[in-house]
Amino acid sequence: MSKYSLLIARLNQELANIERTVQKVIQQIQKAQTTQDHDFYDAATLNLQKFYMGAERIFIDIARDVDAYLPSGSDV
């Protein structure tokens, strides 16, 4: 087993979560456009936040496991 096997598994899981989130955003935008219901745009923006948080978790995992350093403070 590779030194990074656990990291790779976590990253693959997070990428799968991000992909599901992207699909939700696409569906919500399509619904907003077809129904003219702007609440679907609100739902899409909340899911975009989930996308960002997923990407952030990926970078944190890489920093912690590969670089063995996790920045902190106002520069993060």
C-alpha atoms as a PDB file:
ATOM      1  CA  MET A   1       0.000   0.000   0.000  1.00  0.00           C
ATOM      2  CA  SER A   2       1.279   3.423  -0.980  1.00  0.00           C
ATOM      3  CA  LYS A   3       2.138   6.089   1.553  1.00  0.00           C
ATOM      4  CA  TYR A   4      -0.667   8.169   0.066  1.00  0.00           C
ATOM      5  CA  SER A   5      -3.328   5.477  -0.396  1.00  0.00           C
ATOM      6  CA  LEU A   6      -5.576   6.877   2.316  1.00  0.00           C
ATOM      7  CA  LEU A   7      -5.184  10.395   0.947  1.00  0.00           C
ATOM      8  CA  ILE A   8      -6.045   9.208  -2.557  1.00  0.00           C
ATOM      9  CA  ALA A   9      -9.156   7.448  -1.249  1.00  0.00           C
ATOM     10  CA  ARG A  10     -10.280  10.595   0.600  1.00  0.00           C
ATOM     11  CA  LEU A  11      -9.636  12.752  -2.469  1.00  0.00           C
ATOM     12  CA  ASN A  12     -11.588  10.384  -4.712  1.00  0.00           C
ATOM     13  CA  GLN A  13     -14.521  10.451  -2.288  1.00  0.00           C
ATOM     14  CA  GLU A  14     -14.455  14.236  -2.107  1.00  0.00           C
ATOM     15  CA  LEU A  15     -14.255  14.514  -5.898  1.00  0.00           C
ATOM     16  CA  ALA A  16     -17.297  12.246  -6.194  1.00  0.00           C
ATOM     17  CA  ASN A  17     -19.148  14.494  -3.726  1.00  0.00           C
ATOM     18  CA  ILE A  18     -18.154  17.558  -5.749  1.00  0.00           C
ATOM     19  CA  GLU A  19     -19.363  15.928  -8.965  1.00  0.00           C
ATOM     20  CA  ARG A  20     -22.775  15.227  -7.372  1.00  0.00           C
ATOM     21  CA  THR A  21     -22.913  18.839  -6.201  1.00  0.00           C
ATOM     22  CA  VAL A  22     -22.136  20.136  -9.698  1.00  0.00           C
ATOM     23  CA  GLN A  23     -24.949  17.996 -11.117  1.00  0.00           C
ATOM     24  CA  LYS A  24     -27.351  19.461  -8.534  1.00  0.00           C
ATOM     25  CA  VAL A  25     -26.310  22.994  -9.453  1.00  0.00           C
ATOM     26  CA  ILE A  26     -26.886  22.307 -13.145  1.00  0.00           C
ATOM     27  CA  GLN A  27     -30.338  20.872 -12.417  1.00  0.00           C
ATOM     28  CA  GLN A  28     -31.269  23.799 -10.182  1.00  0.00           C
ATOM     29  CA  ILE A  29     -30.211  26.349 -12.774  1.00  0.00           C
ATOM     30  CA  GLN A  30     -32.195  24.519 -15.465  1.00  0.00           C
ATOM     31  CA  LYS A  31     -35.267  24.488 -13.203  1.00  0.00           C
ATOM     32  CA  ALA A  32     -34.848  28.191 -12.514  1.00  0.00           C
ATOM     33  CA  GLN A  33     -34.663  28.924 -16.215  1.00  0.00           C
ATOM     34  CA  THR A  34     -37.694  26.772 -17.113  1.00  0.00           C
ATOM     35  CA  THR A  35     -39.929  27.771 -14.228  1.00  0.00           C
ATOM     36  CA  GLN A  36     -38.708  31.366 -13.763  1.00  0.00           C
ATOM     37  CA  ASP A  37     -38.641  30.525 -10.048  1.00  0.00           C
ATOM     38  CA  HIS A  38     -35.630  32.387  -8.688  1.00  0.00           C
ATOM     39  CA  ASP A  39     -35.603  30.269  -5.540  1.00  0.00           C
ATOM     40  CA  PHE A  40     -33.834  27.622  -7.612  1.00  0.00           C
ATOM     41  CA  TYR A  41     -30.981  30.102  -8.119  1.00  0.00           C
ATOM     42  CA  ASP A  42     -30.762  30.452  -4.339  1.00  0.00           C
ATOM     43  CA  ALA A  43     -30.515  26.684  -4.030  1.00  0.00           C
ATOM     44  CA  ALA A  44     -27.815  26.626  -6.718  1.00  0.00           C
ATOM     45  CA  THR A  45     -25.740  29.224  -4.859  1.00  0.00           C
ATOM     46  CA  LEU A  46     -25.931  27.198  -1.659  1.00  0.00           C
ATOM     47  CA  ASN A  47     -24.686  24.170  -3.553  1.00  0.00           C
ATOM     48  CA  LEU A  48     -21.880  26.254  -5.057  1.00  0.00           C
ATOM     49  CA  GLN A  49     -20.810  26.920  -1.480  1.00  0.00           C
ATOM     50  CA  LYS A  50     -20.707  23.145  -0.939  1.00  0.00           C
ATOM     51  CA  PHE A  51     -18.529  22.900  -4.067  1.00  0.00           C
ATOM     52  CA  TYR A  52     -16.107  25.474  -2.649  1.00  0.00           C
ATOM     53  CA  MET A  53     -15.997  23.750   0.735  1.00  0.00           C
ATOM     54  CA  GLY A  54     -15.259  20.411  -0.954  1.00  0.00           C
ATOM     55  CA  ALA A  55     -12.399  21.937  -2.924  1.00  0.00           C
ATOM     56  CA  GLU A  56     -11.088  23.512   0.266  1.00  0.00           C
ATOM     57  CA  ARG A  57     -11.137  20.124   2.035  1.00  0.00           C
ATOM     58  CA  ILE A  58      -9.118  18.649  -0.830  1.00  0.00           C
ATOM     59  CA  PHE A  59      -6.445  21.323  -0.503  1.00  0.00           C
ATOM     60  CA  ILE A  60      -6.359  20.941   3.281  1.00  0.00           C
ATOM     61  CA  ASP A  61      -5.908  17.164   2.989  1.00  0.00           C
ATOM     62  CA  ILE A  62      -3.086  17.608   0.490  1.00  0.00           C
ATOM     63  CA  ALA A  63      -1.368  20.256   2.596  1.00  0.00           C
ATOM     64  CA  ARG A  64      -1.607  18.146   5.726  1.00  0.00           C
ATOM     65  CA  ASP A  65      -0.608  14.799   4.198  1.00  0.00           C
ATOM     66  CA  VAL A  66       1.879  15.799   1.496  1.00  0.00           C
ATOM     67  CA  ASP A  67       3.395  19.009   2.799  1.00  0.00           C
ATOM     68  CA  ALA A  68       2.921  18.111   6.477  1.00  0.00           C
ATOM     69  CA  TYR A  69       1.993  21.761   6.972  1.00  0.00           C
ATOM     70  CA  LEU A  70      -1.374  23.397   7.387  1.00  0.00           C
ATOM     71  CA  PRO A  71      -1.265  27.213   7.150  1.00  0.00           C
ATOM     72  CA  SER A  72      -3.230  29.194   9.683  1.00  0.00           C
ATOM     73  CA  GLY A  73      -4.029  32.773  10.498  1.00  0.00           C
ATOM     74  CA  SER A  74      -5.031  35.650   8.237  1.00  0.00           C
ATOM     75  CA  ASP A  75      -2.951  34.395   5.289  1.00  0.00           C
ATOM     76  CA  VAL A  76      -5.098  31.268   4.855  1.00  0.00           C
END
